[in-house]
């Protein structure tokens, strides 16, 4: 069996200044967003967009991810803990960011972008969607480095079963890496290819919702479920409850996009 390396969460320290790996992964996610956005614009795959708009997209997107992601973690997953430790809400460098909360935060942030540039909201989301998955992969690698969000107990014969010493001595699925591969790399490939061809308004956004929701739903079978606001459950986890409406909404968007306007 493999053993989690127990990385030092601090990547670099200069005097009192400490740079955490988790923060670096978020920085990497934002940088790849900008680079991929520039690539889509220069290739002609994003009609009507200019590179100058990426700065605003990134700024508002960062705000949506950080504020929404943290509030989602507080409200969806650990309300009791943060009610007792309110100052910990600000300690984002320790980890604890909800994708679903960050997703809602980005939806709100992109309303301001749509208004500023006079574009339909779904046009903005269709442009943004293919730029997101690799950033999600970086975030999951950050989870792995932090040794958090570990997987369920696995068969000891599984070649990549891993012991997380900070948890117990049982072999577990490295579910953070599963998610980095599924909702990160694989979703990126599928969505990038899909968005390279013309589709109706909202189709790419819908494909993202279906893809992420499906990969996340499957990954939850290998990840120790969070208690969440619905309580601890090995049947349907909090992550799965939050993914189901994403899949449903995505399917509706894809069907709607195929209908003539």
Protein backbone atom coordinates (compact mmCIF):
# COMPACT_ATOMS: atom_id res chain seq x y z
CA UNK A 1 0.00 0.00 0.00
CA UNK A 2 1.01 3.58 -0.60
CA UNK A 3 1.30 6.12 2.21
CA UNK A 4 0.31 9.75 1.82
CA UNK A 5 3.54 11.79 1.78
CA UNK A 6 2.33 14.19 4.48
CA UNK A 7 3.42 17.27 2.57
CA UNK A 8 4.26 20.42 4.45
CA UNK A 9 1.29 22.67 3.58
CA UNK A 10 3.68 25.64 3.37
CA UNK A 11 5.46 25.72 0.02
CA UNK A 12 7.71 28.68 0.81
CA UNK A 13 8.33 30.76 3.91
CA UNK A 14 10.24 34.03 4.04
CA UNK A 15 10.27 35.34 7.58
CA UNK A 16 6.67 35.71 8.75
CA UNK A 17 5.38 35.38 5.19
CA UNK A 18 4.20 31.85 4.31
CA UNK A 19 2.98 30.74 0.92
CA UNK A 20 0.75 27.66 1.08
CA UNK A 21 0.53 24.98 -1.58
CA UNK A 22 -3.24 25.31 -1.52
CA UNK A 23 -2.96 28.98 -2.42
CA UNK A 24 -0.49 28.21 -5.19
CA UNK A 25 -2.93 25.73 -6.70
CA UNK A 26 -5.59 28.42 -6.81
CA UNK A 27 -3.11 30.81 -8.41
CA UNK A 28 -2.32 28.15 -11.00
CA UNK A 29 -6.05 27.68 -11.64
CA UNK A 30 -6.55 31.38 -12.28
CA UNK A 31 -3.49 31.63 -14.55
CA UNK A 32 -4.59 28.70 -16.69
CA UNK A 33 -8.05 30.28 -16.96
CA UNK A 34 -6.51 33.42 -18.46
CA UNK A 35 -4.18 31.49 -20.78
CA UNK A 36 -6.92 29.18 -22.09
CA UNK A 37 -9.25 32.13 -22.53
CA UNK A 38 -6.63 33.90 -24.63
CA UNK A 39 -6.15 30.71 -26.65
CA UNK A 40 -9.89 30.40 -27.33
CA UNK A 41 -10.10 34.02 -28.44
CA UNK A 42 -7.04 33.85 -30.71
CA UNK A 43 -8.24 30.60 -32.30
CA UNK A 44 -11.59 32.15 -33.21
CA UNK A 45 -13.55 29.68 -31.08
CA UNK A 46 -14.96 32.50 -28.93
CA UNK A 47 -16.80 34.82 -31.30
CA UNK A 48 -16.97 38.46 -30.29
CA UNK A 49 -14.60 38.23 -27.31
CA UNK A 50 -11.43 40.28 -26.93
CA UNK A 51 -8.38 39.49 -24.81
CA UNK A 52 -8.89 42.72 -22.86
CA UNK A 53 -12.13 41.33 -21.40
CA UNK A 54 -10.22 38.46 -19.76
CA UNK A 55 -8.92 40.75 -17.04
CA UNK A 56 -12.45 41.59 -15.95
CA UNK A 57 -13.59 37.99 -16.29
CA UNK A 58 -10.72 36.82 -14.12
CA UNK A 59 -11.21 39.54 -11.49
CA UNK A 60 -14.92 38.93 -11.05
CA UNK A 61 -14.43 35.18 -11.33
CA UNK A 62 -11.83 35.17 -8.55
CA UNK A 63 -14.19 37.07 -6.28
CA UNK A 64 -17.02 34.67 -7.06
CA UNK A 65 -14.89 31.57 -6.48
CA UNK A 66 -13.36 32.70 -3.19
CA UNK A 67 -16.42 34.30 -1.60
CA UNK A 68 -18.91 31.74 -2.91
CA UNK A 69 -16.61 28.78 -2.31
CA UNK A 70 -15.97 29.71 1.29
CA UNK A 71 -19.59 30.54 2.08
CA UNK A 72 -20.63 27.27 0.43
CA UNK A 73 -18.27 25.33 2.69
CA UNK A 74 -19.64 27.15 5.72
CA UNK A 75 -23.33 26.81 4.85
CA UNK A 76 -23.50 23.47 2.99
CA UNK A 77 -20.93 21.34 4.79
CA UNK A 78 -19.78 22.64 8.19
CA UNK A 79 -22.31 25.13 9.55
CA UNK A 80 -22.03 23.87 13.14
CA UNK A 81 -18.22 24.08 13.18
CA UNK A 82 -18.03 27.59 11.77
CA UNK A 83 -20.84 28.77 14.02
CA UNK A 84 -18.60 27.83 16.93
CA UNK A 85 -15.42 29.15 15.27
CA UNK A 86 -16.53 32.20 13.22
CA UNK A 87 -13.00 33.59 12.76
CA UNK A 88 -12.03 30.38 10.95
CA UNK A 89 -14.27 31.45 8.08
CA UNK A 90 -11.51 33.84 7.01
CA UNK A 91 -8.74 31.19 7.15
CA UNK A 92 -9.08 30.14 3.50
CA UNK A 93 -5.39 29.16 3.34
CA UNK A 94 -6.18 26.13 5.49
CA UNK A 95 -8.44 24.73 2.79
CA UNK A 96 -12.17 24.19 2.87
CA UNK A 97 -13.74 25.53 -0.32
CA UNK A 98 -17.00 24.19 -1.71
CA UNK A 99 -17.13 23.81 -5.47
CA UNK A 100 -20.90 24.21 -5.51
CA UNK A 101 -20.64 27.42 -3.47
CA UNK A 102 -17.89 28.73 -5.75
CA UNK A 103 -19.99 27.81 -8.75
CA UNK A 104 -22.93 29.85 -7.44
CA UNK A 105 -20.55 32.71 -6.71
CA UNK A 106 -19.29 32.68 -10.31
CA UNK A 107 -22.86 32.63 -11.65
CA UNK A 108 -23.56 35.84 -9.75
CA UNK A 109 -20.23 37.42 -10.72
CA UNK A 110 -20.85 36.78 -14.41
CA UNK A 111 -24.07 38.79 -14.22
CA UNK A 112 -21.90 41.89 -13.78
CA UNK A 113 -19.72 40.88 -16.74
CA UNK A 114 -22.79 40.36 -18.94
CA UNK A 115 -24.10 43.80 -18.04
CA UNK A 116 -20.73 45.51 -18.51
CA UNK A 117 -20.17 44.09 -21.98
CA UNK A 118 -23.79 44.04 -23.11
CA UNK A 119 -23.82 40.29 -23.72
CA UNK A 120 -26.34 37.61 -22.89
CA UNK A 121 -25.51 35.88 -19.60
CA UNK A 122 -25.41 32.44 -21.26
CA UNK A 123 -22.95 33.76 -23.85
CA UNK A 124 -20.64 34.66 -20.99
CA UNK A 125 -21.10 31.28 -19.30
CA UNK A 126 -20.56 29.40 -22.57
CA UNK A 127 -17.22 31.17 -22.94
CA UNK A 128 -16.18 30.56 -19.34
CA UNK A 129 -17.21 26.89 -19.01
CA UNK A 130 -14.33 25.26 -20.98
CA UNK A 131 -11.79 27.31 -19.02
CA UNK A 132 -12.81 25.91 -15.64
CA UNK A 133 -12.06 22.14 -15.43
CA UNK A 134 -8.24 22.32 -15.34
CA UNK A 135 -8.58 24.82 -12.52
CA UNK A 136 -10.73 22.30 -10.68
CA UNK A 137 -7.97 19.71 -11.20
CA UNK A 138 -5.46 22.09 -9.61
CA UNK A 139 -7.77 22.56 -6.63
CA UNK A 140 -8.10 18.79 -6.12
CA UNK A 141 -4.33 18.43 -6.21
CA UNK A 142 -4.27 21.08 -3.50
CA UNK A 143 -6.67 18.92 -1.49
CA UNK A 144 -4.33 15.96 -1.94
CA UNK A 145 -1.29 17.95 -0.83
CA UNK A 146 -3.22 19.09 2.25
CA UNK A 147 -4.23 15.50 2.95
CA UNK A 148 -7.91 16.47 3.16
CA UNK A 149 -11.10 15.06 1.62
CA UNK A 150 -9.65 11.55 1.74
CA UNK A 151 -11.41 8.57 0.22
CA UNK A 152 -13.42 5.70 1.59
CA UNK A 153 -11.77 2.54 2.83
CA UNK A 154 -10.45 0.48 -0.08
CA UNK A 155 -9.46 -3.13 -0.71
CA UNK A 156 -5.84 -3.52 0.50
CA UNK A 157 -5.11 -5.35 -2.76
CA UNK A 158 -5.83 -2.20 -4.76
CA UNK A 159 -2.40 -1.18 -6.12
CA UNK A 160 -2.94 2.53 -5.49
CA UNK A 161 -4.75 2.20 -2.14
CA UNK A 162 -3.27 4.79 0.18
CA UNK A 163 -2.97 5.19 3.93
CA UNK A 164 -3.57 8.69 5.25
CA UNK A 165 -1.70 8.61 8.61
CA UNK A 166 -3.49 11.73 9.83
CA UNK A 167 -6.76 9.77 9.60
CA UNK A 168 -6.02 6.15 10.49
CA UNK A 169 -3.99 3.16 9.26
CA UNK A 170 -6.64 1.87 6.84
CA UNK A 171 -6.11 1.74 3.06
CA UNK A 172 -8.22 4.32 1.31
CA UNK A 173 -9.02 5.56 -2.18
CA UNK A 174 -6.98 8.67 -3.11
CA UNK A 175 -10.27 10.25 -4.16
CA UNK A 176 -8.74 13.70 -4.56
CA UNK A 177 -6.73 12.34 -7.50
CA UNK A 178 -9.80 10.59 -8.92
CA UNK A 179 -11.59 13.93 -8.95
CA UNK A 180 -8.60 15.76 -10.44
CA UNK A 181 -8.61 13.23 -13.29
CA UNK A 182 -12.40 13.06 -13.82
CA UNK A 183 -13.96 16.45 -13.19
CA UNK A 184 -10.64 18.07 -14.05
CA UNK A 185 -8.61 16.62 -16.92
CA UNK A 186 -11.22 14.39 -18.59
CA UNK A 187 -13.99 16.98 -18.36
CA UNK A 188 -11.63 19.58 -19.81
CA UNK A 189 -10.85 17.40 -22.84
CA UNK A 190 -14.51 16.62 -23.50
CA UNK A 191 -15.67 20.20 -23.03
CA UNK A 192 -12.84 21.73 -25.05
CA UNK A 193 -13.64 19.46 -28.00
CA UNK A 194 -17.39 20.07 -27.66
CA UNK A 195 -17.01 23.84 -27.47
CA UNK A 196 -14.74 23.94 -30.53
CA UNK A 197 -17.84 23.52 -32.71
CA UNK A 198 -20.81 25.92 -32.91
CA UNK A 199 -23.78 25.13 -30.66
CA UNK A 200 -26.91 26.91 -29.55
CA UNK A 201 -26.78 29.39 -26.70
CA UNK A 202 -26.42 27.61 -23.36
CA UNK A 203 -25.31 24.26 -24.83
CA UNK A 204 -21.72 24.49 -23.61
CA UNK A 205 -22.87 25.61 -20.17
CA UNK A 206 -25.27 22.68 -20.10
CA UNK A 207 -22.53 20.26 -21.12
CA UNK A 208 -20.38 21.54 -18.26
CA UNK A 209 -23.21 21.05 -15.75
CA UNK A 210 -23.93 17.52 -16.94
CA UNK A 211 -20.24 16.60 -17.11
CA UNK A 212 -19.22 17.99 -13.75
CA UNK A 213 -22.35 16.77 -12.00
CA UNK A 214 -21.89 13.24 -13.37
CA UNK A 215 -18.17 13.00 -12.59
CA UNK A 216 -18.72 14.41 -9.10
CA UNK A 217 -21.64 12.07 -8.43
CA UNK A 218 -19.49 9.06 -9.36
CA UNK A 219 -16.47 10.29 -7.41
CA UNK A 220 -18.56 10.54 -4.24
CA UNK A 221 -18.78 6.72 -4.15
CA UNK A 222 -15.02 6.67 -3.48
CA UNK A 223 -14.80 9.71 -1.22
CA UNK A 224 -15.63 9.80 2.48
CA UNK A 225 -18.91 11.73 2.41
CA UNK A 226 -19.27 15.04 4.19
CA UNK A 227 -22.02 15.31 6.75
CA UNK A 228 -23.47 18.48 5.24
CA UNK A 229 -26.80 20.05 6.11
CA UNK A 230 -28.64 16.78 5.36
CA UNK A 231 -26.57 14.74 7.81
CA UNK A 232 -23.94 12.05 7.33
CA UNK A 233 -25.00 9.54 4.69
CA UNK A 234 -23.31 6.71 2.82
CA UNK A 235 -26.36 6.37 0.56
CA UNK A 236 -26.58 9.83 -1.01
CA UNK A 237 -23.86 12.25 0.06
CA UNK A 238 -24.07 16.02 0.26
CA UNK A 239 -21.95 16.30 -2.87
CA UNK A 240 -24.37 14.04 -4.72
CA UNK A 241 -27.42 15.96 -3.55
CA UNK A 242 -25.85 19.16 -4.87
CA UNK A 243 -24.81 17.52 -8.15
CA UNK A 244 -28.22 16.14 -9.07
CA UNK A 245 -29.82 19.53 -9.85
CA UNK A 246 -26.72 20.45 -11.86
CA UNK A 247 -27.21 17.40 -14.08
CA UNK A 248 -30.92 18.12 -14.50
CA UNK A 249 -30.37 21.78 -15.32
CA UNK A 250 -27.60 20.88 -17.76
CA UNK A 251 -29.79 18.46 -19.66
CA UNK A 252 -32.54 21.06 -19.93
CA UNK A 253 -30.08 23.63 -21.27
CA UNK A 254 -28.71 21.24 -23.88
CA UNK A 255 -32.21 20.34 -25.07
CA UNK A 256 -33.24 24.01 -25.14
CA UNK A 257 -30.11 24.94 -27.13
CA UNK A 258 -31.13 22.56 -29.91
CA UNK A 259 -34.48 24.26 -30.39
CA UNK A 260 -34.73 27.15 -32.88
CA UNK A 261 -34.91 30.57 -31.24
